[in-house]
Amino acid sequence: MPSKGRGMKQVNPEEPRGKVPAPKDGDWHCTMCMNLNWARRDTCNICGMRKPGGNEEKREGRAGGGGEAEVVVVR
């Protein structure tokens, strides 16, 4: 019988490996891989999928088209 080595622990793959952390305010689950991501992330750290509802980013720049359209009424 092969030795387990010093300090080696035999692991049962059927048992959970540890506690799953509880989500905190703003944390989100990826819709693609179900990974729990921290609130500060805009993309999943496992698969790279964008955060749901993440289109609220403020668009700025010189190319234009990022601001709200102004409605002008001509009479």
N, C-alpha and C. Protein backbone atom coordinates (compact mmCIF):
# COMPACT_ATOMS: atom_id res chain seq x y z
N MET A 1 0.84 -1.17 0.00
CA MET A 1 0.00 0.00 0.00
C MET A 1 0.89 1.24 0.00
N PRO A 2 0.63 2.20 -0.92
CA PRO A 2 1.48 3.39 -0.96
C PRO A 2 1.25 4.28 0.25
N SER A 3 2.32 4.92 0.70
CA SER A 3 2.18 5.80 1.86
C SER A 3 1.53 7.11 1.44
N LYS A 4 0.84 7.74 2.39
CA LYS A 4 0.17 9.00 2.12
C LYS A 4 1.13 10.17 2.23
N GLY A 5 2.26 9.96 2.78
CA GLY A 5 3.22 11.05 2.98
C GLY A 5 2.95 11.76 4.29
N ARG A 6 3.92 12.46 4.73
CA ARG A 6 3.79 13.12 6.02
C ARG A 6 2.90 14.36 5.90
N GLY A 7 1.88 14.45 6.74
CA GLY A 7 1.01 15.60 6.74
C GLY A 7 -0.05 15.61 5.65
N MET A 8 -0.10 14.59 4.82
CA MET A 8 -1.09 14.54 3.74
C MET A 8 -2.43 14.09 4.31
N LYS A 9 -3.48 14.73 3.87
CA LYS A 9 -4.82 14.40 4.33
C LYS A 9 -5.57 13.78 3.17
N GLN A 10 -6.23 12.67 3.43
CA GLN A 10 -7.01 12.03 2.39
C GLN A 10 -8.31 12.82 2.21
N VAL A 11 -8.65 13.16 0.95
CA VAL A 11 -9.80 13.98 0.65
C VAL A 11 -10.88 13.15 -0.01
N ASN A 12 -12.10 13.29 0.48
CA ASN A 12 -13.24 12.63 -0.13
C ASN A 12 -13.87 13.60 -1.13
N PRO A 13 -13.87 13.28 -2.44
CA PRO A 13 -14.41 14.21 -3.44
C PRO A 13 -15.91 14.44 -3.31
N GLU A 14 -16.60 13.61 -2.55
CA GLU A 14 -18.05 13.76 -2.36
C GLU A 14 -18.39 14.83 -1.33
N GLU A 15 -17.44 15.18 -0.46
CA GLU A 15 -17.69 16.16 0.59
C GLU A 15 -17.34 17.56 0.11
N PRO A 16 -18.10 18.56 0.57
CA PRO A 16 -17.76 19.94 0.21
C PRO A 16 -16.39 20.31 0.75
N ARG A 17 -15.66 21.15 0.02
CA ARG A 17 -14.29 21.49 0.40
C ARG A 17 -14.20 22.63 1.40
N GLY A 18 -15.22 23.42 1.52
CA GLY A 18 -15.16 24.53 2.45
C GLY A 18 -16.46 25.30 2.43
N LYS A 19 -16.51 26.32 3.23
CA LYS A 19 -17.70 27.14 3.29
C LYS A 19 -17.75 28.06 2.07
N VAL A 20 -18.93 28.21 1.52
CA VAL A 20 -19.13 29.14 0.42
C VAL A 20 -19.42 30.50 1.04
N PRO A 21 -18.66 31.53 0.64
CA PRO A 21 -18.89 32.83 1.27
C PRO A 21 -20.26 33.39 0.91
N ALA A 22 -20.88 34.04 1.85
CA ALA A 22 -22.19 34.67 1.61
C ALA A 22 -21.97 35.93 0.80
N PRO A 23 -22.85 36.18 -0.17
CA PRO A 23 -22.70 37.42 -0.95
C PRO A 23 -22.88 38.64 -0.07
N LYS A 24 -22.11 39.67 -0.36
CA LYS A 24 -22.22 40.94 0.35
C LYS A 24 -22.97 41.92 -0.54
N ASP A 25 -23.34 43.05 0.00
CA ASP A 25 -24.10 44.05 -0.74
C ASP A 25 -23.39 44.41 -2.04
N GLY A 26 -24.08 44.26 -3.16
CA GLY A 26 -23.53 44.63 -4.45
C GLY A 26 -22.83 43.50 -5.18
N ASP A 27 -22.52 42.40 -4.50
CA ASP A 27 -21.92 41.25 -5.18
C ASP A 27 -22.91 40.69 -6.18
N TRP A 28 -22.41 40.04 -7.23
CA TRP A 28 -23.30 39.56 -8.28
C TRP A 28 -22.81 38.22 -8.82
N HIS A 29 -23.78 37.40 -9.26
CA HIS A 29 -23.47 36.11 -9.87
C HIS A 29 -23.41 36.28 -11.39
N CYS A 30 -22.39 35.74 -11.99
CA CYS A 30 -22.24 35.79 -13.45
C CYS A 30 -23.35 34.96 -14.08
N THR A 31 -23.98 35.50 -15.12
CA THR A 31 -25.06 34.78 -15.80
C THR A 31 -24.52 33.65 -16.67
N MET A 32 -23.24 33.67 -16.99
CA MET A 32 -22.64 32.64 -17.84
C MET A 32 -22.14 31.45 -17.02
N CYS A 33 -21.33 31.72 -15.99
CA CYS A 33 -20.69 30.62 -15.25
C CYS A 33 -21.14 30.52 -13.80
N MET A 34 -22.00 31.42 -13.34
CA MET A 34 -22.55 31.45 -11.99
C MET A 34 -21.51 31.73 -10.90
N ASN A 35 -20.35 32.22 -11.27
CA ASN A 35 -19.34 32.60 -10.29
C ASN A 35 -19.83 33.81 -9.49
N LEU A 36 -19.55 33.82 -8.20
CA LEU A 36 -19.88 34.97 -7.37
C LEU A 36 -18.76 36.00 -7.49
N ASN A 37 -19.10 37.18 -8.00
CA ASN A 37 -18.13 38.25 -8.20
C ASN A 37 -18.35 39.36 -7.17
N TRP A 38 -17.26 40.01 -6.78
CA TRP A 38 -17.35 41.13 -5.86
C TRP A 38 -18.00 42.31 -6.57
N ALA A 39 -18.62 43.17 -5.81
CA ALA A 39 -19.35 44.32 -6.34
C ALA A 39 -18.46 45.22 -7.20
N ARG A 40 -17.19 45.33 -6.89
CA ARG A 40 -16.31 46.25 -7.61
C ARG A 40 -15.98 45.79 -9.03
N ARG A 41 -16.23 44.53 -9.33
CA ARG A 41 -15.90 44.00 -10.65
C ARG A 41 -16.96 44.35 -11.69
N ASP A 42 -16.52 44.73 -12.89
CA ASP A 42 -17.43 44.99 -14.01
C ASP A 42 -17.55 43.78 -14.92
N THR A 43 -16.56 42.88 -14.81
CA THR A 43 -16.58 41.64 -15.59
C THR A 43 -16.27 40.48 -14.66
N CYS A 44 -16.74 39.29 -15.04
CA CYS A 44 -16.51 38.09 -14.24
C CYS A 44 -15.03 37.75 -14.24
N ASN A 45 -14.49 37.42 -13.08
CA ASN A 45 -13.07 37.09 -13.01
C ASN A 45 -12.78 35.66 -13.47
N ILE A 46 -13.81 34.88 -13.80
CA ILE A 46 -13.61 33.53 -14.30
C ILE A 46 -13.74 33.49 -15.83
N CYS A 47 -14.89 33.98 -16.35
CA CYS A 47 -15.14 33.84 -17.79
C CYS A 47 -15.09 35.16 -18.56
N GLY A 48 -15.03 36.30 -17.86
CA GLY A 48 -14.92 37.59 -18.54
C GLY A 48 -16.24 38.20 -18.97
N MET A 49 -17.36 37.56 -18.64
CA MET A 49 -18.68 38.08 -19.02
C MET A 49 -18.92 39.41 -18.30
N ARG A 50 -19.55 40.36 -19.00
CA ARG A 50 -19.85 41.67 -18.41
C ARG A 50 -20.93 41.54 -17.34
N LYS A 51 -20.86 42.41 -16.35
CA LYS A 51 -21.84 42.46 -15.27
C LYS A 51 -23.21 42.80 -15.85
N PRO A 52 -24.27 42.08 -15.46
CA PRO A 52 -25.61 42.39 -15.96
C PRO A 52 -26.00 43.82 -15.58
N GLY A 53 -26.62 44.51 -16.53
CA GLY A 53 -27.03 45.89 -16.27
C GLY A 53 -25.84 46.83 -16.22
N GLY A 54 -24.72 46.43 -16.74
CA GLY A 54 -23.51 47.23 -16.68
C GLY A 54 -23.42 48.31 -17.73
N ASN A 55 -24.50 48.62 -18.42
CA ASN A 55 -24.46 49.64 -19.46
C ASN A 55 -24.68 51.03 -18.92
N GLU A 56 -24.67 51.20 -17.61
CA GLU A 56 -24.89 52.50 -17.01
C GLU A 56 -23.62 53.33 -16.96
N GLU A 57 -22.57 52.89 -17.63
CA GLU A 57 -21.32 53.63 -17.57
C GLU A 57 -21.47 54.99 -18.22
N LYS A 58 -20.81 55.97 -17.66
CA LYS A 58 -20.87 57.32 -18.18
C LYS A 58 -19.93 57.41 -19.38
N ARG A 59 -20.46 57.81 -20.50
CA ARG A 59 -19.67 57.91 -21.72
C ARG A 59 -19.17 59.33 -21.87
N GLU A 60 -17.89 59.46 -21.99
CA GLU A 60 -17.27 60.76 -22.19
C GLU A 60 -16.23 60.61 -23.29
N GLY A 61 -15.93 61.68 -23.94
CA GLY A 61 -14.90 61.61 -24.95
C GLY A 61 -15.15 62.60 -26.06
N ARG A 62 -14.28 62.60 -27.02
CA ARG A 62 -14.33 63.58 -28.09
C ARG A 62 -15.10 63.08 -29.30
N ALA A 63 -15.44 61.82 -29.35
CA ALA A 63 -16.11 61.28 -30.53
C ALA A 63 -17.57 61.68 -30.61
N GLY A 64 -18.15 62.12 -29.51
CA GLY A 64 -19.54 62.54 -29.52
C GLY A 64 -20.48 61.36 -29.42
N GLY A 65 -21.75 61.65 -29.34
CA GLY A 65 -22.75 60.60 -29.28
C GLY A 65 -22.94 60.01 -27.90
N GLY A 66 -22.20 60.47 -26.92
CA GLY A 66 -22.30 59.90 -25.59
C GLY A 66 -23.30 60.60 -24.69
N GLY A 67 -23.69 61.79 -25.06
CA GLY A 67 -24.60 62.54 -24.20
C GLY A 67 -26.05 62.28 -24.55
N GLU A 68 -26.92 62.83 -23.73
CA GLU A 68 -28.35 62.72 -23.99
C GLU A 68 -28.72 63.67 -25.12
N ALA A 69 -29.63 63.21 -25.97
CA ALA A 69 -30.08 64.05 -27.09
C ALA A 69 -30.94 65.20 -26.54
N GLU A 70 -30.71 66.39 -27.08
CA GLU A 70 -31.50 67.53 -26.65
C GLU A 70 -32.65 67.69 -27.64
N VAL A 71 -33.84 67.81 -27.10
CA VAL A 71 -35.02 67.97 -27.95
C VAL A 71 -35.27 69.45 -28.15
N VAL A 72 -35.34 69.85 -29.43
CA VAL A 72 -35.62 71.25 -29.78
C VAL A 72 -36.94 71.29 -30.50
N VAL A 73 -37.86 72.11 -30.00
CA VAL A 73 -39.17 72.26 -30.62
C VAL A 73 -39.15 73.53 -31.45
N VAL A 74 -39.42 73.39 -32.75
CA VAL A 74 -39.43 74.53 -33.65
C VAL A 74 -40.89 74.83 -33.98
N ARG A 75 -41.28 76.13 -33.82
CA ARG A 75 -42.65 76.51 -34.13
C ARG A 75 -42.70 77.49 -35.25
